[in-house]
Amino acid sequence: MDTFRHTINKKYLYLFHSIILSCIATVHICVSGCHGELKRNKVLPISVTGIELGVELATTQEEQMLGLMYRKTLGENEGMLFIFPEERRLSFWMRNTRIPLSIAFIKADGRIVQIDSMKPFTLDSHVSQEKVKYALEMNEGWFKKHTIKEGDFVKIPIVLGAEEKTGVKR
């Protein structure tokens, strides 16, 4: 009887260890592959009141949902520009986001209408007070440091250039 119990306990212990190792491997693969520091979105040069930036674009729903989550660092003049098909009220939160950020909500014409600060790992909603087409996330305090305020303009060359050439708003 003791041998039988010992065999069953060994099987359960082996199964338990296999499940744990499998879970650890899955989490490691997902974190390093899905949300790792190596994956970057397309980069677009933009100008914020004359300051040239190279910002990552978040244009698809997947890119927008992921945003800057899981990132450990963000360069001094780096950020993420969220582009939506048309103006609407936008809402952002900081779930799984380690970096303190500032967000600028921007109208289709490039005018900044609101700037908010966002704390890491919070579920607080940061909602645009107006309908906007863009949101620009930068390191916390970046807008203040560069004396950028509501009413200032952001130039988005490719998007604005396409609208001027075709007459079609994106």
N, C-alpha and C. Protein backbone atom coordinates (compact mmCIF):
# COMPACT_ATOMS: atom_id res chain seq x y z
N MET A 1 0.82 -1.20 0.00
CA MET A 1 0.00 0.00 0.00
C MET A 1 0.86 1.26 0.00
N ASP A 2 1.94 1.28 0.77
CA ASP A 2 2.82 2.43 0.82
C ASP A 2 3.48 2.68 -0.54
N THR A 3 3.83 1.61 -1.24
CA THR A 3 4.45 1.75 -2.55
C THR A 3 3.45 2.37 -3.53
N PHE A 4 2.18 1.95 -3.42
CA PHE A 4 1.12 2.49 -4.29
C PHE A 4 0.96 4.00 -4.05
N ARG A 5 0.87 4.44 -2.80
CA ARG A 5 0.76 5.86 -2.46
C ARG A 5 1.99 6.63 -2.94
N HIS A 6 3.13 6.04 -2.72
CA HIS A 6 4.38 6.70 -3.13
C HIS A 6 4.39 6.92 -4.64
N THR A 7 3.92 5.94 -5.41
CA THR A 7 3.87 6.04 -6.87
C THR A 7 2.89 7.12 -7.28
N ILE A 8 1.70 7.18 -6.66
CA ILE A 8 0.69 8.20 -6.96
C ILE A 8 1.23 9.58 -6.61
N ASN A 9 1.84 9.72 -5.44
CA ASN A 9 2.40 11.00 -5.04
C ASN A 9 3.48 11.47 -6.01
N LYS A 10 4.32 10.54 -6.49
CA LYS A 10 5.35 10.89 -7.46
C LYS A 10 4.72 11.39 -8.76
N LYS A 11 3.64 10.72 -9.21
CA LYS A 11 2.96 11.12 -10.45
C LYS A 11 2.37 12.52 -10.30
N TYR A 12 1.70 12.78 -9.18
CA TYR A 12 1.11 14.10 -8.96
C TYR A 12 2.18 15.17 -8.84
N LEU A 13 3.26 14.84 -8.17
CA LEU A 13 4.36 15.79 -8.02
C LEU A 13 4.98 16.09 -9.40
N TYR A 14 5.18 15.06 -10.20
CA TYR A 14 5.72 15.25 -11.55
C TYR A 14 4.77 16.11 -12.38
N LEU A 15 3.47 15.82 -12.32
CA LEU A 15 2.47 16.58 -13.06
C LEU A 15 2.45 18.04 -12.59
N PHE A 16 2.49 18.25 -11.30
CA PHE A 16 2.49 19.59 -10.73
C PHE A 16 3.71 20.37 -11.22
N HIS A 17 4.89 19.77 -11.17
CA HIS A 17 6.11 20.44 -11.63
C HIS A 17 6.04 20.74 -13.13
N SER A 18 5.49 19.80 -13.90
CA SER A 18 5.37 20.02 -15.34
C SER A 18 4.45 21.20 -15.65
N ILE A 19 3.36 21.30 -14.92
CA ILE A 19 2.41 22.41 -15.13
C ILE A 19 3.07 23.74 -14.76
N ILE A 20 3.75 23.77 -13.62
CA ILE A 20 4.42 25.00 -13.18
C ILE A 20 5.47 25.42 -14.20
N LEU A 21 6.31 24.51 -14.64
CA LEU A 21 7.35 24.85 -15.62
C LEU A 21 6.74 25.32 -16.93
N SER A 22 5.66 24.70 -17.33
CA SER A 22 4.98 25.10 -18.56
C SER A 22 4.43 26.52 -18.44
N CYS A 23 3.83 26.83 -17.30
CA CYS A 23 3.30 28.18 -17.06
C CYS A 23 4.41 29.21 -17.06
N ILE A 24 5.51 28.91 -16.41
CA ILE A 24 6.64 29.84 -16.37
C ILE A 24 7.18 30.08 -17.78
N ALA A 25 7.33 29.03 -18.55
CA ALA A 25 7.83 29.17 -19.92
C ALA A 25 6.88 30.01 -20.77
N THR A 26 5.58 29.77 -20.62
CA THR A 26 4.58 30.52 -21.40
C THR A 26 4.63 32.00 -21.05
N VAL A 27 4.68 32.31 -19.76
CA VAL A 27 4.74 33.70 -19.33
C VAL A 27 6.01 34.36 -19.84
N HIS A 28 7.14 33.66 -19.74
CA HIS A 28 8.41 34.22 -20.20
C HIS A 28 8.38 34.50 -21.70
N ILE A 29 7.87 33.56 -22.48
CA ILE A 29 7.79 33.73 -23.93
C ILE A 29 6.89 34.91 -24.26
N CYS A 30 5.74 34.99 -23.61
CA CYS A 30 4.80 36.07 -23.91
C CYS A 30 5.38 37.42 -23.53
N VAL A 31 5.96 37.52 -22.36
CA VAL A 31 6.49 38.81 -21.91
C VAL A 31 7.67 39.24 -22.78
N SER A 32 8.57 38.31 -23.08
CA SER A 32 9.74 38.70 -23.87
C SER A 32 9.40 38.81 -25.35
N GLY A 33 8.49 38.01 -25.85
CA GLY A 33 8.16 38.05 -27.27
C GLY A 33 7.05 39.01 -27.60
N CYS A 34 5.97 38.98 -26.84
CA CYS A 34 4.81 39.82 -27.14
C CYS A 34 5.02 41.25 -26.69
N HIS A 35 5.64 41.45 -25.55
CA HIS A 35 5.72 42.79 -24.98
C HIS A 35 7.16 43.18 -24.68
N GLY A 36 8.10 42.57 -25.35
CA GLY A 36 9.50 42.81 -25.04
C GLY A 36 9.96 44.19 -25.48
N GLU A 37 11.14 44.53 -25.01
CA GLU A 37 11.71 45.82 -25.33
C GLU A 37 12.13 45.91 -26.80
N LEU A 38 12.26 44.79 -27.50
CA LEU A 38 12.75 44.81 -28.86
C LEU A 38 11.69 45.22 -29.88
N LYS A 39 10.43 44.91 -29.61
CA LYS A 39 9.38 45.22 -30.58
C LYS A 39 9.04 46.70 -30.52
N ARG A 40 9.17 47.36 -31.65
CA ARG A 40 8.84 48.78 -31.75
C ARG A 40 7.90 48.96 -32.93
N ASN A 41 7.05 49.95 -32.83
CA ASN A 41 6.13 50.28 -33.92
C ASN A 41 6.84 51.14 -34.96
N LYS A 42 6.14 51.42 -36.04
CA LYS A 42 6.66 52.34 -37.06
C LYS A 42 6.94 53.68 -36.41
N VAL A 43 7.97 54.37 -36.88
CA VAL A 43 8.34 55.66 -36.32
C VAL A 43 8.04 56.76 -37.35
N LEU A 44 7.46 57.86 -36.86
CA LEU A 44 7.11 58.99 -37.71
C LEU A 44 7.75 60.25 -37.14
N PRO A 45 8.41 61.03 -38.00
CA PRO A 45 8.92 62.32 -37.50
C PRO A 45 7.77 63.33 -37.43
N ILE A 46 7.62 63.97 -36.29
CA ILE A 46 6.61 65.02 -36.12
C ILE A 46 7.28 66.23 -35.49
N SER A 47 6.56 67.33 -35.46
CA SER A 47 7.08 68.55 -34.87
C SER A 47 6.05 69.09 -33.88
N VAL A 48 6.49 69.33 -32.66
CA VAL A 48 5.63 69.91 -31.63
C VAL A 48 6.19 71.29 -31.33
N THR A 49 5.48 72.32 -31.74
CA THR A 49 5.93 73.72 -31.63
C THR A 49 7.39 73.89 -32.04
N GLY A 50 7.75 73.26 -33.15
CA GLY A 50 9.10 73.39 -33.68
C GLY A 50 10.11 72.39 -33.15
N ILE A 51 9.74 71.59 -32.16
CA ILE A 51 10.65 70.57 -31.62
C ILE A 51 10.42 69.29 -32.42
N GLU A 52 11.49 68.81 -33.07
CA GLU A 52 11.40 67.61 -33.90
C GLU A 52 11.47 66.36 -33.03
N LEU A 53 10.54 65.44 -33.27
CA LEU A 53 10.48 64.18 -32.53
C LEU A 53 10.34 63.03 -33.51
N GLY A 54 10.79 61.85 -33.09
CA GLY A 54 10.49 60.61 -33.81
C GLY A 54 9.61 59.79 -32.89
N VAL A 55 8.34 59.69 -33.21
CA VAL A 55 7.40 58.98 -32.32
C VAL A 55 6.93 57.69 -32.97
N GLU A 56 6.73 56.69 -32.13
CA GLU A 56 6.15 55.44 -32.61
C GLU A 56 4.67 55.67 -32.89
N LEU A 57 4.16 54.98 -33.90
CA LEU A 57 2.75 55.11 -34.25
C LEU A 57 1.95 53.95 -33.69
N ALA A 58 0.78 54.26 -33.19
CA ALA A 58 -0.19 53.26 -32.78
C ALA A 58 -1.44 53.52 -33.61
N THR A 59 -1.56 52.76 -34.71
CA THR A 59 -2.67 53.00 -35.64
C THR A 59 -3.69 51.86 -35.64
N THR A 60 -3.26 50.65 -35.31
CA THR A 60 -4.19 49.53 -35.27
C THR A 60 -4.76 49.39 -33.86
N GLN A 61 -5.86 48.69 -33.75
CA GLN A 61 -6.47 48.48 -32.45
C GLN A 61 -5.51 47.75 -31.51
N GLU A 62 -4.77 46.78 -32.03
CA GLU A 62 -3.82 46.03 -31.21
C GLU A 62 -2.70 46.93 -30.69
N GLU A 63 -2.15 47.76 -31.59
CA GLU A 63 -1.09 48.68 -31.17
C GLU A 63 -1.60 49.68 -30.14
N GLN A 64 -2.83 50.14 -30.32
CA GLN A 64 -3.40 51.12 -29.40
C GLN A 64 -3.70 50.49 -28.04
N MET A 65 -4.15 49.24 -28.03
CA MET A 65 -4.42 48.57 -26.76
C MET A 65 -3.13 48.33 -25.99
N LEU A 66 -2.04 47.99 -26.68
CA LEU A 66 -0.76 47.72 -26.04
C LEU A 66 -0.06 49.02 -25.64
N GLY A 67 -0.11 50.03 -26.51
CA GLY A 67 0.50 51.31 -26.19
C GLY A 67 1.93 51.17 -25.70
N LEU A 68 2.25 51.80 -24.60
CA LEU A 68 3.60 51.74 -24.02
C LEU A 68 3.67 50.79 -22.82
N MET A 69 2.70 49.88 -22.72
CA MET A 69 2.72 48.90 -21.63
C MET A 69 4.03 48.10 -21.67
N TYR A 70 4.47 47.71 -20.50
CA TYR A 70 5.62 46.82 -20.30
C TYR A 70 6.97 47.46 -20.63
N ARG A 71 6.99 48.66 -21.15
CA ARG A 71 8.27 49.31 -21.47
C ARG A 71 8.96 49.70 -20.18
N LYS A 72 10.27 49.58 -20.18
CA LYS A 72 11.05 49.96 -19.01
C LYS A 72 11.57 51.39 -19.12
N THR A 73 11.78 51.84 -20.35
CA THR A 73 12.32 53.18 -20.56
C THR A 73 11.67 53.82 -21.79
N LEU A 74 11.80 55.12 -21.84
CA LEU A 74 11.36 55.90 -22.99
C LEU A 74 12.37 57.03 -23.12
N GLY A 75 12.96 57.16 -24.29
CA GLY A 75 13.99 58.18 -24.50
C GLY A 75 13.47 59.60 -24.28
N GLU A 76 14.38 60.53 -24.11
CA GLU A 76 14.06 61.93 -23.81
C GLU A 76 13.05 62.53 -24.78
N ASN A 77 13.27 62.38 -26.06
CA ASN A 77 12.36 62.95 -27.05
C ASN A 77 11.64 61.86 -27.85
N GLU A 78 11.29 60.79 -27.16
CA GLU A 78 10.54 59.70 -27.77
C GLU A 78 9.15 59.67 -27.18
N GLY A 79 8.23 59.11 -27.93
CA GLY A 79 6.87 58.98 -27.45
C GLY A 79 6.07 58.09 -28.37
N MET A 80 4.76 58.10 -28.18
CA MET A 80 3.86 57.31 -29.02
C MET A 80 2.69 58.18 -29.43
N LEU A 81 2.42 58.17 -30.74
CA LEU A 81 1.30 58.90 -31.30
C LEU A 81 0.20 57.92 -31.67
N PHE A 82 -0.96 58.09 -31.04
CA PHE A 82 -2.13 57.27 -31.33
C PHE A 82 -2.95 58.00 -32.38
N ILE A 83 -3.24 57.32 -33.49
CA ILE A 83 -3.98 57.93 -34.58
C ILE A 83 -5.29 57.17 -34.77
N PHE A 84 -6.39 57.91 -34.77
CA PHE A 84 -7.72 57.31 -34.92
C PHE A 84 -8.33 57.78 -36.24
N PRO A 85 -9.26 56.99 -36.81
CA PRO A 85 -9.83 57.33 -38.12
C PRO A 85 -10.57 58.66 -38.15
N GLU A 86 -11.26 59.00 -37.07
CA GLU A 86 -11.97 60.28 -37.01
C GLU A 86 -11.95 60.79 -35.57
N GLU A 87 -12.32 62.03 -35.42
CA GLU A 87 -12.35 62.62 -34.08
C GLU A 87 -13.41 61.93 -33.22
N ARG A 88 -13.04 61.68 -31.98
CA ARG A 88 -13.96 61.11 -30.99
C ARG A 88 -13.35 61.33 -29.61
N ARG A 89 -14.15 61.12 -28.59
CA ARG A 89 -13.62 61.22 -27.22
C ARG A 89 -12.76 59.98 -26.97
N LEU A 90 -11.57 60.22 -26.45
CA LEU A 90 -10.63 59.13 -26.19
C LEU A 90 -10.45 58.94 -24.70
N SER A 91 -10.15 57.70 -24.31
CA SER A 91 -9.92 57.38 -22.91
C SER A 91 -8.69 56.48 -22.81
N PHE A 92 -7.78 56.84 -21.90
CA PHE A 92 -6.54 56.09 -21.70
C PHE A 92 -6.39 55.76 -20.22
N TRP A 93 -5.66 54.67 -19.95
CA TRP A 93 -5.30 54.30 -18.59
C TRP A 93 -3.88 53.78 -18.60
N MET A 94 -3.35 53.44 -17.43
CA MET A 94 -1.94 53.08 -17.32
C MET A 94 -1.72 51.64 -16.84
N ARG A 95 -2.68 50.78 -17.11
CA ARG A 95 -2.55 49.38 -16.72
C ARG A 95 -1.26 48.81 -17.33
N ASN A 96 -0.45 48.17 -16.52
CA ASN A 96 0.81 47.54 -16.94
C ASN A 96 1.81 48.51 -17.58
N THR A 97 1.67 49.78 -17.29
CA THR A 97 2.60 50.78 -17.83
C THR A 97 3.50 51.25 -16.69
N ARG A 98 4.79 51.03 -16.85
CA ARG A 98 5.78 51.31 -15.79
C ARG A 98 6.26 52.76 -15.79
N ILE A 99 6.17 53.41 -16.94
CA ILE A 99 6.77 54.73 -17.11
C ILE A 99 5.74 55.82 -16.82
N PRO A 100 6.04 56.80 -15.96
CA PRO A 100 5.10 57.91 -15.79
C PRO A 100 5.04 58.72 -17.09
N LEU A 101 3.82 59.03 -17.52
CA LEU A 101 3.63 59.68 -18.83
C LEU A 101 2.78 60.94 -18.72
N SER A 102 2.94 61.79 -19.72
CA SER A 102 2.02 62.90 -19.97
C SER A 102 1.38 62.62 -21.31
N ILE A 103 0.10 62.97 -21.43
CA ILE A 103 -0.62 62.74 -22.68
C ILE A 103 -1.22 64.05 -23.17
N ALA A 104 -1.07 64.29 -24.47
CA ALA A 104 -1.69 65.46 -25.10
C ALA A 104 -2.78 64.94 -26.03
N PHE A 105 -3.99 65.47 -25.87
CA PHE A 105 -5.10 65.15 -26.77
C PHE A 105 -5.11 66.22 -27.86
N ILE A 106 -5.18 65.77 -29.12
CA ILE A 106 -4.94 66.66 -30.25
C ILE A 106 -6.08 66.56 -31.27
N LYS A 107 -6.58 67.72 -31.70
CA LYS A 107 -7.64 67.78 -32.72
C LYS A 107 -7.06 67.39 -34.09
N ALA A 108 -7.94 67.17 -35.07
CA ALA A 108 -7.53 66.78 -36.41
C ALA A 108 -6.63 67.84 -37.06
N ASP A 109 -6.81 69.11 -36.69
CA ASP A 109 -5.99 70.18 -37.27
C ASP A 109 -4.62 70.31 -36.58
N GLY A 110 -4.35 69.46 -35.57
CA GLY A 110 -3.06 69.47 -34.88
C GLY A 110 -3.03 70.29 -33.61
N ARG A 111 -4.15 70.91 -33.24
CA ARG A 111 -4.18 71.76 -32.04
C ARG A 111 -4.33 70.90 -30.78
N ILE A 112 -3.43 71.14 -29.82
CA ILE A 112 -3.50 70.45 -28.53
C ILE A 112 -4.63 71.08 -27.72
N VAL A 113 -5.58 70.27 -27.27
CA VAL A 113 -6.71 70.79 -26.50
C VAL A 113 -6.66 70.39 -25.03
N GLN A 114 -5.79 69.45 -24.68
CA GLN A 114 -5.73 69.00 -23.29
C GLN A 114 -4.42 68.26 -23.06
N ILE A 115 -3.82 68.48 -21.89
CA ILE A 115 -2.63 67.75 -21.48
C ILE A 115 -2.87 67.22 -20.07
N ASP A 116 -2.67 65.92 -19.87
CA ASP A 116 -2.85 65.28 -18.57
C ASP A 116 -1.59 64.53 -18.17
N SER A 117 -1.42 64.34 -16.87
CA SER A 117 -0.35 63.50 -16.33
C SER A 117 -0.95 62.16 -15.96
N MET A 118 -0.18 61.09 -16.19
CA MET A 118 -0.67 59.74 -15.90
C MET A 118 0.37 58.99 -15.07
N LYS A 119 -0.09 58.41 -13.96
CA LYS A 119 0.79 57.69 -13.05
C LYS A 119 0.88 56.22 -13.43
N PRO A 120 2.07 55.61 -13.29
CA PRO A 120 2.26 54.20 -13.64
C PRO A 120 1.31 53.27 -12.88
N PHE A 121 0.92 52.21 -13.55
CA PHE A 121 0.15 51.09 -12.99
C PHE A 121 -1.21 51.48 -12.42
N THR A 122 -1.76 52.62 -12.81
CA THR A 122 -3.07 53.01 -12.30
C THR A 122 -4.15 52.67 -13.31
N LEU A 123 -5.36 52.55 -12.81
CA LEU A 123 -6.51 52.29 -13.68
C LEU A 123 -7.37 53.54 -13.82
N ASP A 124 -6.83 54.69 -13.40
CA ASP A 124 -7.55 55.95 -13.56
C ASP A 124 -7.76 56.23 -15.04
N SER A 125 -8.96 56.67 -15.39
CA SER A 125 -9.26 57.01 -16.78
C SER A 125 -8.85 58.45 -17.07
N HIS A 126 -8.18 58.65 -18.18
CA HIS A 126 -7.82 59.98 -18.66
C HIS A 126 -8.60 60.17 -19.96
N VAL A 127 -9.67 60.95 -19.87
CA VAL A 127 -10.62 61.08 -20.97
C VAL A 127 -10.49 62.47 -21.59
N SER A 128 -10.50 62.51 -22.91
CA SER A 128 -10.44 63.81 -23.59
C SER A 128 -11.75 64.56 -23.35
N GLN A 129 -11.64 65.85 -23.06
CA GLN A 129 -12.83 66.66 -22.81
C GLN A 129 -13.55 67.00 -24.10
N GLU A 130 -12.82 66.89 -25.22
CA GLU A 130 -13.39 67.16 -26.54
C GLU A 130 -13.13 65.95 -27.44
N LYS A 131 -13.80 65.93 -28.58
CA LYS A 131 -13.49 64.91 -29.57
C LYS A 131 -12.15 65.27 -30.19
N VAL A 132 -11.26 64.26 -30.28
CA VAL A 132 -9.92 64.45 -30.83
C VAL A 132 -9.59 63.29 -31.76
N LYS A 133 -8.61 63.52 -32.61
CA LYS A 133 -8.17 62.49 -33.56
C LYS A 133 -6.87 61.81 -33.12
N TYR A 134 -6.06 62.53 -32.33
CA TYR A 134 -4.75 62.03 -31.94
C TYR A 134 -4.55 62.13 -30.43
N ALA A 135 -3.66 61.27 -29.95
CA ALA A 135 -3.17 61.38 -28.57
C ALA A 135 -1.67 61.13 -28.63
N LEU A 136 -0.91 61.97 -27.96
CA LEU A 136 0.56 61.86 -27.95
C LEU A 136 1.01 61.62 -26.51
N GLU A 137 1.62 60.45 -26.28
CA GLU A 137 2.17 60.12 -24.97
C GLU A 137 3.68 60.37 -24.97
N MET A 138 4.12 61.11 -23.96
CA MET A 138 5.54 61.42 -23.78
C MET A 138 5.90 61.17 -22.31
N ASN A 139 7.19 61.22 -21.99
CA ASN A 139 7.60 61.10 -20.60
C ASN A 139 6.90 62.17 -19.77
N GLU A 140 6.60 61.82 -18.53
CA GLU A 140 5.95 62.75 -17.60
C GLU A 140 6.73 64.06 -17.54
N GLY A 141 6.02 65.17 -17.70
CA GLY A 141 6.62 66.48 -17.59
C GLY A 141 7.24 67.00 -18.88
N TRP A 142 7.25 66.20 -19.95
CA TRP A 142 7.90 66.62 -21.19
C TRP A 142 7.27 67.90 -21.75
N PHE A 143 5.95 67.97 -21.76
CA PHE A 143 5.27 69.14 -22.31
C PHE A 143 5.59 70.39 -21.48
N LYS A 144 5.55 70.25 -20.16
CA LYS A 144 5.85 71.38 -19.28
C LYS A 144 7.30 71.83 -19.44
N LYS A 145 8.22 70.87 -19.51
CA LYS A 145 9.64 71.18 -19.66
C LYS A 145 9.90 71.99 -20.92
N HIS A 146 9.13 71.73 -21.96
CA HIS A 146 9.32 72.41 -23.25
C HIS A 146 8.30 73.53 -23.46
N THR A 147 7.64 73.93 -22.38
CA THR A 147 6.64 75.00 -22.36
C THR A 147 5.57 74.85 -23.46
N ILE A 148 5.16 73.59 -23.65
CA ILE A 148 4.09 73.30 -24.60
C ILE A 148 2.79 73.26 -23.81
N LYS A 149 1.78 73.94 -24.35
CA LYS A 149 0.52 74.08 -23.61
C LYS A 149 -0.67 73.88 -24.56
N GLU A 150 -1.84 73.84 -23.95
CA GLU A 150 -3.07 73.74 -24.73
C GLU A 150 -3.15 74.93 -25.67
N GLY A 151 -3.55 74.67 -26.91
CA GLY A 151 -3.61 75.70 -27.94
C GLY A 151 -2.41 75.66 -28.88
N ASP A 152 -1.30 75.02 -28.45
CA ASP A 152 -0.14 74.85 -29.33
C ASP A 152 -0.45 73.79 -30.37
N PHE A 153 0.39 73.75 -31.43
CA PHE A 153 0.13 72.84 -32.55
C PHE A 153 1.21 71.78 -32.72
N VAL A 154 0.75 70.62 -33.20
CA VAL A 154 1.61 69.50 -33.55
C VAL A 154 1.50 69.32 -35.06
N LYS A 155 2.64 69.24 -35.74
CA LYS A 155 2.65 68.99 -37.19
C LYS A 155 2.93 67.52 -37.42
N ILE A 156 2.01 66.88 -38.12
CA ILE A 156 2.12 65.45 -38.43
C ILE A 156 2.24 65.35 -39.95
N PRO A 157 3.48 65.36 -40.49
CA PRO A 157 3.71 65.52 -41.92
C PRO A 157 3.00 64.54 -42.84
N ILE A 158 3.12 63.26 -42.61
CA ILE A 158 2.55 62.29 -43.53
C ILE A 158 1.03 62.40 -43.56
N VAL A 159 0.42 62.47 -42.41
CA VAL A 159 -1.04 62.55 -42.33
C VAL A 159 -1.53 63.86 -42.92
N LEU A 160 -0.93 64.98 -42.51
CA LEU A 160 -1.36 66.27 -43.04
C LEU A 160 -1.08 66.37 -44.53
N GLY A 161 0.09 65.83 -44.97
CA GLY A 161 0.43 65.85 -46.38
C GLY A 161 -0.57 65.08 -47.21
N ALA A 162 -1.02 63.92 -46.72
CA ALA A 162 -1.99 63.10 -47.46
C ALA A 162 -3.31 63.83 -47.57
N GLU A 163 -3.72 64.54 -46.51
CA GLU A 163 -4.98 65.27 -46.54
C GLU A 163 -4.91 66.42 -47.53
N GLU A 164 -3.77 67.11 -47.56
CA GLU A 164 -3.62 68.25 -48.47
C GLU A 164 -3.64 67.80 -49.92
N LYS A 165 -2.97 66.68 -50.22
CA LYS A 165 -2.88 66.20 -51.60
C LYS A 165 -4.19 65.63 -52.11
N THR A 166 -4.88 64.86 -51.27
CA THR A 166 -6.08 64.16 -51.73
C THR A 166 -7.37 64.87 -51.39
N GLY A 167 -7.31 65.75 -50.40
CA GLY A 167 -8.53 66.39 -49.94
C GLY A 167 -9.36 65.48 -49.05
N VAL A 168 -8.87 64.27 -48.81
CA VAL A 168 -9.59 63.29 -48.00
C VAL A 168 -9.00 63.30 -46.60
N LYS A 169 -9.86 63.46 -45.61
CA LYS A 169 -9.41 63.41 -44.22
C LYS A 169 -9.29 61.96 -43.80
N ARG A 170 -8.20 61.65 -43.10
CA ARG A 170 -8.01 60.27 -42.63
C ARG A 170 -8.48 60.15 -41.21
